[in-house]
């Protein structure tokens, strides 16, 4: 029995091992977005193509054209996107406070890097006059390589 007990690590040594493992796991999770971005850039540079999902289109509805243009300019000035289309008037029907509402809105189509979508969404919510603005994104599956390179340059560094 003494021999088996002498081969097992002391209970006090278990805590530093667990803490080190937790620290490594936390560092790995925190660095994942940076490592993913770097790997995508390396892939693009080596192959001359872009991986699906590297870029996204963000949709935002605005109450009128002036607010839509103001939001579009603010996004572009901060390099949160490379391009914004301001689409003409659209009729919207939606539920609000349990009732069906109707409104006329202007749609923004915002082209950006997927890595910037969260920052862009937060900034739009800060600027937008709606209590709950419509902000959502879809990843781009494919696109012209020259356009995607232009989009990359237009959004600057992450």
N, C-alpha and C. Protein backbone atom coordinates (compact mmCIF):
# COMPACT_ATOMS: atom_id res chain seq x y z
N UNK A 1 0.82 -1.19 0.00
CA UNK A 1 0.00 0.00 0.00
C UNK A 1 0.86 1.25 0.00
N UNK A 2 1.98 1.20 0.74
CA UNK A 2 2.86 2.36 0.77
C UNK A 2 3.47 2.63 -0.60
N UNK A 3 3.75 1.57 -1.33
CA UNK A 3 4.34 1.76 -2.66
C UNK A 3 3.38 2.48 -3.60
N UNK A 4 2.09 2.12 -3.59
CA UNK A 4 1.12 2.77 -4.46
C UNK A 4 0.95 4.23 -4.08
N UNK A 5 0.90 4.50 -2.81
CA UNK A 5 0.75 5.87 -2.34
C UNK A 5 1.94 6.73 -2.70
N UNK A 6 3.12 6.16 -2.76
CA UNK A 6 4.31 6.96 -3.07
C UNK A 6 4.39 7.30 -4.56
N UNK A 7 3.68 6.57 -5.42
CA UNK A 7 3.71 6.84 -6.86
C UNK A 7 2.71 7.91 -7.27
N UNK A 8 1.70 8.16 -6.50
CA UNK A 8 0.69 9.17 -6.84
C UNK A 8 1.20 10.55 -6.49
N UNK A 9 0.89 11.56 -7.31
CA UNK A 9 1.32 12.92 -6.98
C UNK A 9 0.60 13.41 -5.73
N UNK A 10 1.23 14.27 -5.04
CA UNK A 10 0.62 14.83 -3.84
C UNK A 10 -0.56 15.71 -4.24
N UNK A 11 -1.62 15.74 -3.41
CA UNK A 11 -2.80 16.54 -3.76
C UNK A 11 -2.48 18.01 -4.01
N UNK A 12 -1.50 18.56 -3.38
CA UNK A 12 -1.14 19.97 -3.56
C UNK A 12 -0.61 20.27 -4.94
N UNK A 13 -0.05 19.29 -5.66
CA UNK A 13 0.50 19.51 -7.00
C UNK A 13 -0.57 19.55 -8.07
N UNK A 14 -1.75 19.08 -7.77
CA UNK A 14 -2.82 19.05 -8.75
C UNK A 14 -3.32 20.46 -9.08
N UNK A 15 -3.39 21.32 -8.12
CA UNK A 15 -3.91 22.67 -8.34
C UNK A 15 -3.07 23.46 -9.34
N UNK A 16 -1.76 23.52 -9.24
CA UNK A 16 -1.00 24.27 -10.25
C UNK A 16 -1.18 23.70 -11.66
N UNK A 17 -1.29 22.40 -11.80
CA UNK A 17 -1.50 21.79 -13.12
C UNK A 17 -2.84 22.21 -13.70
N UNK A 18 -3.88 22.19 -12.88
CA UNK A 18 -5.21 22.60 -13.34
C UNK A 18 -5.21 24.07 -13.71
N UNK A 19 -4.57 24.91 -12.91
CA UNK A 19 -4.51 26.34 -13.19
C UNK A 19 -3.76 26.61 -14.49
N UNK A 20 -2.67 25.90 -14.72
CA UNK A 20 -1.91 26.08 -15.95
C UNK A 20 -2.74 25.66 -17.15
N UNK A 21 -3.45 24.54 -17.05
CA UNK A 21 -4.31 24.07 -18.14
C UNK A 21 -5.42 25.08 -18.42
N UNK A 22 -6.04 25.61 -17.38
CA UNK A 22 -7.10 26.62 -17.56
C UNK A 22 -6.54 27.88 -18.20
N UNK A 23 -5.35 28.29 -17.80
CA UNK A 23 -4.71 29.47 -18.37
C UNK A 23 -4.42 29.27 -19.86
N UNK A 24 -3.91 28.11 -20.24
CA UNK A 24 -3.62 27.80 -21.65
C UNK A 24 -4.92 27.76 -22.46
N UNK A 25 -5.96 27.15 -21.91
CA UNK A 25 -7.25 27.07 -22.59
C UNK A 25 -7.83 28.47 -22.80
N UNK A 26 -7.79 29.30 -21.77
CA UNK A 26 -8.31 30.67 -21.87
C UNK A 26 -7.54 31.47 -22.91
N UNK A 27 -6.21 31.38 -22.89
CA UNK A 27 -5.39 32.09 -23.87
C UNK A 27 -5.71 31.63 -25.28
N UNK A 28 -5.93 30.34 -25.45
CA UNK A 28 -6.27 29.80 -26.78
C UNK A 28 -7.59 30.35 -27.28
N UNK A 29 -8.60 30.38 -26.41
CA UNK A 29 -9.92 30.88 -26.80
C UNK A 29 -9.88 32.37 -27.12
N UNK A 30 -9.12 33.13 -26.34
CA UNK A 30 -9.03 34.57 -26.57
C UNK A 30 -8.27 34.92 -27.83
N UNK A 31 -7.30 34.09 -28.20
CA UNK A 31 -6.50 34.38 -29.39
C UNK A 31 -7.09 33.79 -30.66
N UNK A 32 -8.17 33.00 -30.57
CA UNK A 32 -8.74 32.36 -31.75
C UNK A 32 -9.10 33.35 -32.86
N UNK A 33 -9.82 34.47 -32.57
CA UNK A 33 -10.16 35.39 -33.66
C UNK A 33 -8.93 35.94 -34.39
N UNK A 34 -7.90 36.26 -33.64
CA UNK A 34 -6.68 36.78 -34.25
C UNK A 34 -6.02 35.71 -35.11
N UNK A 35 -5.91 34.49 -34.57
CA UNK A 35 -5.29 33.40 -35.32
C UNK A 35 -6.10 33.06 -36.56
N UNK A 36 -7.43 33.10 -36.47
CA UNK A 36 -8.27 32.82 -37.63
C UNK A 36 -8.06 33.87 -38.71
N UNK A 37 -8.04 35.14 -38.32
CA UNK A 37 -7.83 36.22 -39.29
C UNK A 37 -6.48 36.08 -39.97
N UNK A 38 -5.45 35.78 -39.19
CA UNK A 38 -4.11 35.62 -39.77
C UNK A 38 -4.06 34.43 -40.73
N UNK A 39 -4.71 33.33 -40.36
CA UNK A 39 -4.69 32.16 -41.24
C UNK A 39 -5.46 32.43 -42.54
N UNK A 40 -6.56 33.18 -42.47
CA UNK A 40 -7.30 33.53 -43.67
C UNK A 40 -6.49 34.44 -44.58
N UNK A 41 -5.77 35.39 -43.98
CA UNK A 41 -4.92 36.29 -44.78
C UNK A 41 -3.79 35.51 -45.43
N UNK A 42 -3.21 34.58 -44.71
CA UNK A 42 -2.14 33.75 -45.27
C UNK A 42 -2.67 32.90 -46.42
N UNK A 43 -3.85 32.28 -46.23
CA UNK A 43 -4.46 31.47 -47.28
C UNK A 43 -4.70 32.32 -48.54
N UNK A 44 -5.25 33.52 -48.35
CA UNK A 44 -5.52 34.40 -49.48
C UNK A 44 -4.24 34.79 -50.21
N UNK A 45 -3.20 35.10 -49.46
CA UNK A 45 -1.94 35.51 -50.07
C UNK A 45 -1.30 34.37 -50.86
N UNK A 46 -1.36 33.16 -50.33
CA UNK A 46 -0.71 32.01 -50.97
C UNK A 46 -1.50 31.54 -52.19
N UNK A 47 -2.83 31.45 -52.06
CA UNK A 47 -3.63 30.86 -53.14
C UNK A 47 -4.19 31.89 -54.11
N UNK A 48 -4.21 33.16 -53.72
CA UNK A 48 -4.81 34.18 -54.59
C UNK A 48 -6.33 34.13 -54.59
N UNK A 49 -6.92 33.38 -53.67
CA UNK A 49 -8.37 33.29 -53.57
C UNK A 49 -8.79 33.61 -52.14
N UNK A 50 -10.07 33.65 -51.90
CA UNK A 50 -10.59 33.97 -50.58
C UNK A 50 -11.50 32.86 -50.10
N UNK A 51 -11.44 32.59 -48.81
CA UNK A 51 -12.29 31.56 -48.22
C UNK A 51 -13.71 32.08 -48.03
N UNK A 52 -14.67 31.20 -48.24
CA UNK A 52 -16.06 31.54 -48.01
C UNK A 52 -16.24 32.00 -46.56
N UNK A 53 -17.00 33.08 -46.37
CA UNK A 53 -17.26 33.57 -45.02
C UNK A 53 -16.28 34.61 -44.52
N UNK A 54 -15.24 34.92 -45.30
CA UNK A 54 -14.27 35.94 -44.89
C UNK A 54 -14.91 37.32 -44.91
N UNK A 55 -15.87 37.50 -45.81
CA UNK A 55 -16.57 38.78 -45.96
C UNK A 55 -18.05 38.57 -45.75
N UNK A 56 -18.75 39.65 -45.39
CA UNK A 56 -20.18 39.57 -45.11
C UNK A 56 -20.91 40.77 -45.69
N UNK A 57 -22.21 40.60 -45.90
CA UNK A 57 -23.10 41.70 -46.25
C UNK A 57 -23.98 41.93 -45.02
N UNK A 58 -24.03 43.17 -44.57
CA UNK A 58 -24.82 43.53 -43.40
C UNK A 58 -26.03 44.33 -43.89
N UNK A 59 -27.21 43.98 -43.40
CA UNK A 59 -28.45 44.66 -43.76
C UNK A 59 -28.88 45.55 -42.60
N UNK A 60 -29.23 46.80 -42.90
CA UNK A 60 -29.71 47.73 -41.88
C UNK A 60 -30.86 48.54 -42.49
N UNK A 61 -32.01 48.56 -41.82
CA UNK A 61 -33.12 49.40 -42.25
C UNK A 61 -33.06 50.73 -41.52
N UNK A 62 -33.34 51.81 -42.26
CA UNK A 62 -33.32 53.17 -41.69
C UNK A 62 -34.66 53.85 -41.96
N UNK A 63 -35.05 54.79 -41.10
CA UNK A 63 -36.37 55.42 -41.26
C UNK A 63 -36.47 56.37 -42.46
N UNK A 64 -35.33 56.95 -42.90
CA UNK A 64 -35.39 57.84 -44.06
C UNK A 64 -34.01 57.90 -44.72
N UNK A 65 -33.97 58.53 -45.90
CA UNK A 65 -32.74 58.53 -46.69
C UNK A 65 -31.62 59.33 -46.02
N UNK A 66 -31.94 60.43 -45.36
CA UNK A 66 -30.89 61.24 -44.72
C UNK A 66 -30.20 60.46 -43.60
N UNK A 67 -30.96 59.79 -42.77
CA UNK A 67 -30.37 58.98 -41.70
C UNK A 67 -29.56 57.84 -42.31
N UNK A 68 -30.07 57.23 -43.37
CA UNK A 68 -29.35 56.13 -44.03
C UNK A 68 -28.00 56.63 -44.54
N UNK A 69 -27.98 57.78 -45.20
CA UNK A 69 -26.72 58.33 -45.73
C UNK A 69 -25.76 58.72 -44.60
N UNK A 70 -26.30 59.28 -43.53
CA UNK A 70 -25.45 59.65 -42.39
C UNK A 70 -24.79 58.42 -41.77
N UNK A 71 -25.56 57.36 -41.60
CA UNK A 71 -25.01 56.12 -41.04
C UNK A 71 -23.98 55.52 -42.00
N UNK A 72 -24.30 55.52 -43.30
CA UNK A 72 -23.37 54.98 -44.29
C UNK A 72 -22.03 55.73 -44.26
N UNK A 73 -22.08 57.05 -44.25
CA UNK A 73 -20.84 57.85 -44.21
C UNK A 73 -20.03 57.58 -42.94
N UNK A 74 -20.71 57.51 -41.81
CA UNK A 74 -20.02 57.28 -40.53
C UNK A 74 -19.32 55.91 -40.54
N UNK A 75 -19.98 54.90 -41.10
CA UNK A 75 -19.40 53.56 -41.19
C UNK A 75 -18.16 53.58 -42.07
N UNK A 76 -18.26 54.24 -43.23
CA UNK A 76 -17.13 54.30 -44.17
C UNK A 76 -15.96 55.09 -43.60
N UNK A 77 -16.25 56.19 -42.91
CA UNK A 77 -15.18 57.01 -42.32
C UNK A 77 -14.37 56.23 -41.32
N UNK A 78 -14.98 55.30 -40.62
CA UNK A 78 -14.29 54.49 -39.61
C UNK A 78 -13.73 53.19 -40.19
N UNK A 79 -13.85 53.03 -41.51
CA UNK A 79 -13.35 51.83 -42.21
C UNK A 79 -13.95 50.55 -41.65
N UNK A 80 -15.22 50.64 -41.22
CA UNK A 80 -15.93 49.45 -40.77
C UNK A 80 -16.52 48.70 -41.96
N UNK A 81 -16.49 49.33 -43.13
CA UNK A 81 -16.97 48.72 -44.37
C UNK A 81 -16.25 49.37 -45.53
N UNK A 82 -16.28 48.69 -46.68
CA UNK A 82 -15.66 49.24 -47.88
C UNK A 82 -16.70 49.86 -48.80
N UNK A 83 -17.95 49.43 -48.66
CA UNK A 83 -19.00 49.89 -49.57
C UNK A 83 -20.36 49.78 -48.89
N UNK A 84 -21.20 50.78 -49.16
CA UNK A 84 -22.57 50.76 -48.64
C UNK A 84 -23.51 51.18 -49.76
N UNK A 85 -24.49 50.33 -50.05
CA UNK A 85 -25.54 50.70 -50.99
C UNK A 85 -26.73 51.23 -50.21
N UNK A 86 -27.27 52.36 -50.65
CA UNK A 86 -28.49 52.92 -50.07
C UNK A 86 -29.60 52.61 -51.06
N UNK A 87 -30.44 51.64 -50.72
CA UNK A 87 -31.49 51.21 -51.62
C UNK A 87 -32.75 52.03 -51.40
N UNK A 88 -33.53 52.22 -52.45
CA UNK A 88 -34.71 53.09 -52.35
C UNK A 88 -35.77 52.54 -51.40
N UNK A 89 -36.77 53.32 -51.24
CA UNK A 89 -37.85 53.06 -50.30
C UNK A 89 -38.41 51.64 -50.40
N UNK A 90 -38.56 51.04 -49.23
CA UNK A 90 -39.16 49.71 -49.11
C UNK A 90 -40.29 49.78 -48.09
N UNK A 91 -41.35 49.07 -48.38
CA UNK A 91 -42.45 48.98 -47.41
C UNK A 91 -42.14 47.84 -46.46
N UNK A 92 -42.26 48.10 -45.18
CA UNK A 92 -41.99 47.08 -44.16
C UNK A 92 -43.24 46.86 -43.32
N UNK A 93 -43.52 45.60 -43.09
CA UNK A 93 -44.58 45.21 -42.16
C UNK A 93 -43.92 44.35 -41.09
N UNK A 94 -44.23 44.61 -39.82
CA UNK A 94 -43.57 43.91 -38.74
C UNK A 94 -44.41 43.99 -37.47
N UNK A 95 -44.12 43.07 -36.55
CA UNK A 95 -44.77 43.11 -35.23
C UNK A 95 -44.00 44.06 -34.33
N UNK A 96 -44.71 44.93 -33.60
CA UNK A 96 -44.11 45.78 -32.61
C UNK A 96 -45.11 45.95 -31.48
N UNK A 97 -44.70 45.57 -30.29
CA UNK A 97 -45.57 45.63 -29.11
C UNK A 97 -46.90 44.91 -29.35
N UNK A 98 -46.83 43.74 -29.99
CA UNK A 98 -48.00 42.91 -30.20
C UNK A 98 -48.91 43.34 -31.33
N UNK A 99 -48.56 44.38 -32.04
CA UNK A 99 -49.39 44.89 -33.14
C UNK A 99 -48.62 44.80 -34.46
N UNK A 100 -49.35 44.67 -35.56
CA UNK A 100 -48.73 44.71 -36.87
C UNK A 100 -48.58 46.18 -37.27
N UNK A 101 -47.36 46.57 -37.56
CA UNK A 101 -47.05 47.94 -37.95
C UNK A 101 -46.64 47.96 -39.42
N UNK A 102 -46.79 49.13 -40.05
CA UNK A 102 -46.32 49.36 -41.41
C UNK A 102 -45.46 50.61 -41.41
N UNK A 103 -44.39 50.56 -42.20
CA UNK A 103 -43.50 51.73 -42.29
C UNK A 103 -42.82 51.73 -43.65
N UNK A 104 -42.35 52.89 -44.03
CA UNK A 104 -41.52 53.03 -45.21
C UNK A 104 -40.09 53.19 -44.71
N UNK A 105 -39.19 52.38 -45.23
CA UNK A 105 -37.80 52.40 -44.75
C UNK A 105 -36.84 52.38 -45.93
N UNK A 106 -35.60 52.74 -45.65
CA UNK A 106 -34.51 52.71 -46.61
C UNK A 106 -33.58 51.58 -46.16
N UNK A 107 -33.15 50.75 -47.09
CA UNK A 107 -32.29 49.61 -46.76
C UNK A 107 -30.84 49.91 -47.11
N UNK A 108 -29.95 49.66 -46.15
CA UNK A 108 -28.51 49.73 -46.39
C UNK A 108 -27.98 48.32 -46.60
N UNK A 109 -27.18 48.12 -47.65
CA UNK A 109 -26.43 46.88 -47.86
C UNK A 109 -24.97 47.24 -47.65
N UNK A 110 -24.40 46.72 -46.60
CA UNK A 110 -23.05 47.09 -46.19
C UNK A 110 -22.12 45.91 -46.43
N UNK A 111 -21.03 46.13 -47.19
CA UNK A 111 -20.06 45.07 -47.47
C UNK A 111 -18.82 45.28 -46.61
N UNK A 112 -18.46 44.24 -45.86
CA UNK A 112 -17.36 44.36 -44.91
C UNK A 112 -16.71 43.00 -44.67
N UNK A 113 -15.66 43.01 -43.88
CA UNK A 113 -15.04 41.77 -43.42
C UNK A 113 -15.91 41.18 -42.32
N UNK A 114 -16.03 39.89 -42.31
CA UNK A 114 -16.81 39.22 -41.27
C UNK A 114 -16.25 39.55 -39.88
N UNK A 115 -14.95 39.70 -39.79
CA UNK A 115 -14.31 40.02 -38.51
C UNK A 115 -14.72 41.39 -37.97
N UNK A 116 -15.30 42.25 -38.80
CA UNK A 116 -15.72 43.59 -38.37
C UNK A 116 -17.22 43.70 -38.11
N UNK A 117 -17.96 42.63 -38.33
CA UNK A 117 -19.42 42.69 -38.21
C UNK A 117 -19.86 43.08 -36.80
N UNK A 118 -19.26 42.50 -35.79
CA UNK A 118 -19.68 42.82 -34.41
C UNK A 118 -19.45 44.30 -34.09
N UNK A 119 -18.27 44.82 -34.44
CA UNK A 119 -17.98 46.23 -34.18
C UNK A 119 -18.92 47.13 -34.99
N UNK A 120 -19.17 46.76 -36.23
CA UNK A 120 -20.08 47.51 -37.09
C UNK A 120 -21.49 47.52 -36.50
N UNK A 121 -21.97 46.37 -36.07
CA UNK A 121 -23.31 46.27 -35.47
C UNK A 121 -23.44 47.14 -34.23
N UNK A 122 -22.43 47.11 -33.38
CA UNK A 122 -22.46 47.95 -32.18
C UNK A 122 -22.48 49.42 -32.53
N UNK A 123 -21.71 49.80 -33.53
CA UNK A 123 -21.66 51.21 -33.94
C UNK A 123 -23.00 51.64 -34.54
N UNK A 124 -23.61 50.80 -35.37
CA UNK A 124 -24.91 51.12 -35.95
C UNK A 124 -25.95 51.28 -34.84
N UNK A 125 -25.94 50.40 -33.86
CA UNK A 125 -26.90 50.52 -32.74
C UNK A 125 -26.70 51.84 -32.00
N UNK A 126 -25.46 52.29 -31.88
CA UNK A 126 -25.15 53.56 -31.22
C UNK A 126 -25.73 54.74 -32.01
N UNK A 127 -25.61 54.70 -33.35
CA UNK A 127 -26.05 55.81 -34.20
C UNK A 127 -27.55 55.80 -34.51
N UNK A 128 -28.13 54.62 -34.56
CA UNK A 128 -29.48 54.44 -35.11
C UNK A 128 -30.56 55.01 -34.21
N UNK A 129 -31.57 55.67 -34.80
CA UNK A 129 -32.65 56.24 -33.97
C UNK A 129 -33.67 55.21 -33.47
N UNK A 130 -33.74 54.03 -34.09
CA UNK A 130 -34.71 53.03 -33.65
C UNK A 130 -34.28 52.42 -32.31
N UNK A 131 -35.27 52.10 -31.50
CA UNK A 131 -35.00 51.42 -30.23
C UNK A 131 -34.35 50.06 -30.48
N UNK A 132 -34.86 49.34 -31.48
CA UNK A 132 -34.31 48.05 -31.87
C UNK A 132 -34.07 48.08 -33.38
N UNK A 133 -32.90 48.56 -33.80
CA UNK A 133 -32.66 48.62 -35.24
C UNK A 133 -32.46 47.22 -35.83
N UNK A 134 -32.85 47.08 -37.09
CA UNK A 134 -32.64 45.81 -37.80
C UNK A 134 -31.20 45.80 -38.30
N UNK A 135 -30.39 44.94 -37.70
CA UNK A 135 -28.99 44.79 -38.11
C UNK A 135 -28.70 43.30 -38.12
N UNK A 136 -28.42 42.76 -39.31
CA UNK A 136 -28.03 41.35 -39.39
C UNK A 136 -27.10 41.17 -40.58
N UNK A 137 -26.36 40.08 -40.57
CA UNK A 137 -25.39 39.86 -41.66
C UNK A 137 -25.51 38.46 -42.23
N UNK A 138 -25.04 38.34 -43.46
CA UNK A 138 -24.94 37.05 -44.14
C UNK A 138 -23.52 36.95 -44.70
N UNK A 139 -22.89 35.80 -44.52
CA UNK A 139 -21.54 35.64 -45.07
C UNK A 139 -21.59 35.55 -46.60
N UNK A 140 -20.56 36.11 -47.23
CA UNK A 140 -20.44 35.99 -48.69
C UNK A 140 -19.84 34.63 -48.98
N UNK A 141 -20.47 33.89 -49.87
CA UNK A 141 -19.98 32.57 -50.22
C UNK A 141 -18.86 32.67 -51.26
N UNK A 142 -19.10 33.44 -52.29
CA UNK A 142 -18.11 33.59 -53.36
C UNK A 142 -18.15 35.02 -53.86
N UNK A 143 -17.16 35.37 -54.65
CA UNK A 143 -17.13 36.69 -55.24
C UNK A 143 -15.92 36.84 -56.14
N UNK A 144 -15.94 37.87 -56.96
CA UNK A 144 -14.82 38.16 -57.82
C UNK A 144 -13.59 38.47 -56.96
N UNK A 145 -12.49 37.80 -57.23
CA UNK A 145 -11.29 37.93 -56.40
C UNK A 145 -10.81 39.38 -56.36
N UNK A 146 -10.87 40.07 -57.50
CA UNK A 146 -10.42 41.48 -57.53
C UNK A 146 -11.31 42.35 -56.65
N UNK A 147 -12.62 42.10 -56.68
CA UNK A 147 -13.54 42.86 -55.83
C UNK A 147 -13.25 42.58 -54.36
N UNK A 148 -13.04 41.32 -54.01
CA UNK A 148 -12.78 40.98 -52.62
C UNK A 148 -11.46 41.58 -52.13
N UNK A 149 -10.46 41.65 -52.99
CA UNK A 149 -9.20 42.31 -52.62
C UNK A 149 -9.43 43.80 -52.38
N UNK A 150 -10.26 44.41 -53.25
CA UNK A 150 -10.60 45.82 -53.07
C UNK A 150 -11.34 46.02 -51.76
N UNK A 151 -12.29 45.12 -51.48
CA UNK A 151 -13.04 45.19 -50.23
C UNK A 151 -12.09 45.09 -49.03
N UNK A 152 -11.11 44.20 -49.15
CA UNK A 152 -10.13 44.01 -48.08
C UNK A 152 -9.36 45.31 -47.82
N UNK A 153 -8.90 45.95 -48.88
CA UNK A 153 -8.15 47.22 -48.73
C UNK A 153 -9.03 48.32 -48.17
N UNK A 154 -10.31 48.34 -48.58
CA UNK A 154 -11.22 49.39 -48.15
C UNK A 154 -11.59 49.33 -46.68
N UNK A 155 -11.45 48.18 -46.07
CA UNK A 155 -11.81 48.06 -44.65
C UNK A 155 -10.59 48.18 -43.75
N UNK A 156 -9.41 48.29 -44.31
CA UNK A 156 -8.20 48.46 -43.50
C UNK A 156 -7.88 47.25 -42.67
N UNK A 157 -6.99 47.45 -41.73
CA UNK A 157 -6.56 46.36 -40.84
C UNK A 157 -7.60 46.10 -39.78
N UNK A 158 -7.64 44.85 -39.29
CA UNK A 158 -8.57 44.49 -38.20
C UNK A 158 -8.07 45.00 -36.87
